[in-house]
């Protein structure tokens, strides 16, 4: 397995994990996916995409509750 393949799997798995965790909190980031440009370079980056202000506020609240 190449570094690129490892990066691909790592980024894809991380994106899936975040998608699942966010779904449990009732949050959807429609553009959440691995960063294809980075992965082809061997980096395992995740593009969290764009979200509307209400979704970002809800995400912030979930994070705050988790850290209090």
N, C-alpha and C. Protein backbone atom coordinates (compact mmCIF):
# COMPACT_ATOMS: atom_id res chain seq x y z
N UNK A 1 0.86 -1.18 0.00
CA UNK A 1 0.00 0.00 0.00
C UNK A 1 0.90 1.24 0.00
N UNK A 2 0.56 2.21 -0.81
CA UNK A 2 1.37 3.42 -0.93
C UNK A 2 0.96 4.46 0.10
N UNK A 3 1.81 5.46 0.24
CA UNK A 3 1.48 6.57 1.16
C UNK A 3 0.18 7.23 0.73
N UNK A 4 -0.03 7.35 -0.58
CA UNK A 4 -1.26 7.96 -1.08
C UNK A 4 -2.48 7.12 -0.71
N UNK A 5 -2.36 5.80 -0.83
CA UNK A 5 -3.47 4.91 -0.45
C UNK A 5 -3.76 5.03 1.05
N UNK A 6 -2.70 5.07 1.86
CA UNK A 6 -2.88 5.23 3.31
C UNK A 6 -3.58 6.55 3.63
N UNK A 7 -3.13 7.63 2.97
CA UNK A 7 -3.73 8.94 3.19
C UNK A 7 -5.19 8.93 2.79
N UNK A 8 -5.50 8.29 1.67
CA UNK A 8 -6.88 8.19 1.17
C UNK A 8 -7.76 7.50 2.21
N UNK A 9 -7.32 6.34 2.68
CA UNK A 9 -8.12 5.59 3.65
C UNK A 9 -8.27 6.34 4.97
N UNK A 10 -7.19 6.96 5.43
CA UNK A 10 -7.23 7.70 6.69
C UNK A 10 -8.20 8.88 6.60
N UNK A 11 -8.11 9.66 5.53
CA UNK A 11 -8.99 10.82 5.36
C UNK A 11 -10.44 10.38 5.18
N UNK A 12 -10.66 9.33 4.40
CA UNK A 12 -12.02 8.84 4.16
C UNK A 12 -12.65 8.35 5.46
N UNK A 13 -11.87 7.60 6.24
CA UNK A 13 -12.36 7.08 7.52
C UNK A 13 -12.66 8.23 8.50
N UNK A 14 -11.77 9.21 8.55
CA UNK A 14 -11.97 10.35 9.45
C UNK A 14 -13.24 11.13 9.07
N UNK A 15 -13.44 11.33 7.77
CA UNK A 15 -14.64 12.04 7.32
C UNK A 15 -15.90 11.25 7.70
N UNK A 16 -15.85 9.95 7.52
CA UNK A 16 -17.00 9.11 7.90
C UNK A 16 -17.27 9.17 9.40
N UNK A 17 -16.20 9.15 10.21
CA UNK A 17 -16.36 9.21 11.66
C UNK A 17 -16.99 10.53 12.09
N UNK A 18 -16.52 11.62 11.49
CA UNK A 18 -17.09 12.94 11.83
C UNK A 18 -18.53 13.03 11.37
N UNK A 19 -18.82 12.55 10.17
CA UNK A 19 -20.19 12.57 9.65
C UNK A 19 -21.13 11.83 10.59
N UNK A 20 -20.68 10.67 11.06
CA UNK A 20 -21.50 9.87 11.97
C UNK A 20 -21.70 10.57 13.31
N UNK A 21 -20.64 11.14 13.86
CA UNK A 21 -20.74 11.85 15.14
C UNK A 21 -21.65 13.06 15.02
N UNK A 22 -21.51 13.80 13.94
CA UNK A 22 -22.36 14.98 13.74
C UNK A 22 -23.82 14.58 13.56
N UNK A 23 -24.07 13.49 12.85
CA UNK A 23 -25.44 13.02 12.66
C UNK A 23 -26.09 12.70 14.00
N UNK A 24 -25.31 12.15 14.92
CA UNK A 24 -25.82 11.86 16.26
C UNK A 24 -26.26 13.11 17.01
N UNK A 25 -25.67 14.25 16.62
CA UNK A 25 -26.03 15.53 17.25
C UNK A 25 -27.03 16.30 16.38
N UNK A 26 -27.52 15.65 15.32
CA UNK A 26 -28.48 16.31 14.44
C UNK A 26 -27.87 17.35 13.52
N UNK A 27 -26.59 17.20 13.21
CA UNK A 27 -25.88 18.18 12.38
C UNK A 27 -25.41 17.50 11.10
N UNK A 28 -25.59 18.18 9.98
CA UNK A 28 -25.11 17.69 8.69
C UNK A 28 -24.25 18.75 8.04
N UNK A 29 -23.04 18.37 7.66
CA UNK A 29 -22.19 19.23 6.83
C UNK A 29 -22.23 18.63 5.43
N UNK A 30 -23.00 19.23 4.52
CA UNK A 30 -23.24 18.61 3.22
C UNK A 30 -21.99 18.41 2.36
N UNK A 31 -20.96 19.20 2.58
CA UNK A 31 -19.76 19.10 1.75
C UNK A 31 -18.63 18.34 2.42
N UNK A 32 -18.88 17.69 3.54
CA UNK A 32 -17.85 16.97 4.27
C UNK A 32 -17.31 15.82 3.43
N UNK A 33 -15.99 15.85 3.19
CA UNK A 33 -15.36 14.78 2.40
C UNK A 33 -13.84 14.89 2.54
N UNK A 34 -13.16 13.86 2.08
CA UNK A 34 -11.71 13.93 2.07
C UNK A 34 -11.29 15.00 1.07
N UNK A 35 -10.17 15.64 1.32
CA UNK A 35 -9.62 16.66 0.42
C UNK A 35 -8.84 15.92 -0.66
N UNK A 36 -9.46 15.75 -1.81
CA UNK A 36 -8.86 14.94 -2.88
C UNK A 36 -7.51 15.48 -3.34
N UNK A 37 -7.38 16.78 -3.44
CA UNK A 37 -6.11 17.36 -3.89
C UNK A 37 -5.00 17.03 -2.90
N UNK A 38 -5.28 17.11 -1.62
CA UNK A 38 -4.27 16.82 -0.61
C UNK A 38 -3.94 15.33 -0.59
N UNK A 39 -4.96 14.48 -0.70
CA UNK A 39 -4.75 13.05 -0.64
C UNK A 39 -3.87 12.58 -1.79
N UNK A 40 -4.03 13.14 -2.97
CA UNK A 40 -3.18 12.73 -4.09
C UNK A 40 -1.72 13.10 -3.85
N UNK A 41 -1.47 14.02 -2.92
CA UNK A 41 -0.11 14.40 -2.55
C UNK A 41 0.38 13.61 -1.34
N UNK A 42 -0.45 12.69 -0.83
CA UNK A 42 -0.05 11.88 0.31
C UNK A 42 -0.44 12.46 1.65
N UNK A 43 -1.21 13.55 1.66
CA UNK A 43 -1.67 14.15 2.91
C UNK A 43 -3.08 13.66 3.22
N UNK A 44 -3.37 13.38 4.47
CA UNK A 44 -4.71 12.91 4.83
C UNK A 44 -5.51 14.05 5.44
N UNK A 45 -5.95 14.97 4.58
CA UNK A 45 -6.74 16.11 5.02
C UNK A 45 -8.21 15.88 4.70
N UNK A 46 -9.06 16.46 5.53
CA UNK A 46 -10.51 16.37 5.34
C UNK A 46 -11.04 17.77 5.08
N UNK A 47 -11.83 17.91 4.03
CA UNK A 47 -12.49 19.17 3.71
C UNK A 47 -13.83 19.15 4.42
N UNK A 48 -13.98 20.04 5.39
CA UNK A 48 -15.22 20.07 6.17
C UNK A 48 -16.30 20.87 5.45
N UNK A 49 -15.95 21.46 4.33
CA UNK A 49 -16.93 22.08 3.46
C UNK A 49 -17.55 23.35 4.00
N UNK A 50 -18.64 23.66 3.41
CA UNK A 50 -19.37 24.87 3.75
C UNK A 50 -20.61 24.50 4.55
N UNK A 51 -21.02 25.41 5.42
CA UNK A 51 -22.22 25.20 6.22
C UNK A 51 -22.88 26.55 6.45
N UNK A 52 -24.19 26.52 6.59
CA UNK A 52 -24.88 27.78 6.86
C UNK A 52 -24.66 28.19 8.32
N UNK A 53 -24.96 29.43 8.62
CA UNK A 53 -24.68 29.99 9.95
C UNK A 53 -25.40 29.23 11.06
N UNK A 54 -26.61 28.78 10.82
CA UNK A 54 -27.34 28.04 11.85
C UNK A 54 -26.64 26.72 12.18
N UNK A 55 -26.15 26.04 11.16
CA UNK A 55 -25.44 24.78 11.38
C UNK A 55 -24.15 25.01 12.15
N UNK A 56 -23.42 26.05 11.81
CA UNK A 56 -22.17 26.37 12.51
C UNK A 56 -22.45 26.71 13.97
N UNK A 57 -23.49 27.47 14.23
CA UNK A 57 -23.85 27.80 15.61
C UNK A 57 -24.23 26.56 16.40
N UNK A 58 -24.97 25.65 15.77
CA UNK A 58 -25.35 24.40 16.43
C UNK A 58 -24.11 23.56 16.73
N UNK A 59 -23.18 23.50 15.80
CA UNK A 59 -21.94 22.76 16.01
C UNK A 59 -21.15 23.36 17.17
N UNK A 60 -21.06 24.67 17.21
CA UNK A 60 -20.36 25.34 18.31
C UNK A 60 -21.00 25.00 19.65
N UNK A 61 -22.31 24.97 19.71
CA UNK A 61 -23.01 24.65 20.95
C UNK A 61 -22.73 23.21 21.38
N UNK A 62 -22.74 22.29 20.45
CA UNK A 62 -22.45 20.88 20.77
C UNK A 62 -21.03 20.74 21.32
N UNK A 63 -20.09 21.44 20.72
CA UNK A 63 -18.71 21.40 21.20
C UNK A 63 -18.59 22.00 22.60
N UNK A 64 -19.26 23.13 22.81
CA UNK A 64 -19.23 23.75 24.15
C UNK A 64 -19.78 22.80 25.22
N UNK A 65 -20.90 22.16 24.93
CA UNK A 65 -21.51 21.23 25.89
C UNK A 65 -20.57 20.07 26.18
N UNK A 66 -19.85 19.62 25.18
CA UNK A 66 -18.93 18.51 25.35
C UNK A 66 -17.71 18.85 26.17
N UNK A 67 -17.40 20.14 26.29
CA UNK A 67 -16.21 20.57 27.01
C UNK A 67 -16.54 21.22 28.34
N UNK A 68 -17.79 21.22 28.75
CA UNK A 68 -18.12 21.87 30.02
C UNK A 68 -18.27 20.87 31.14
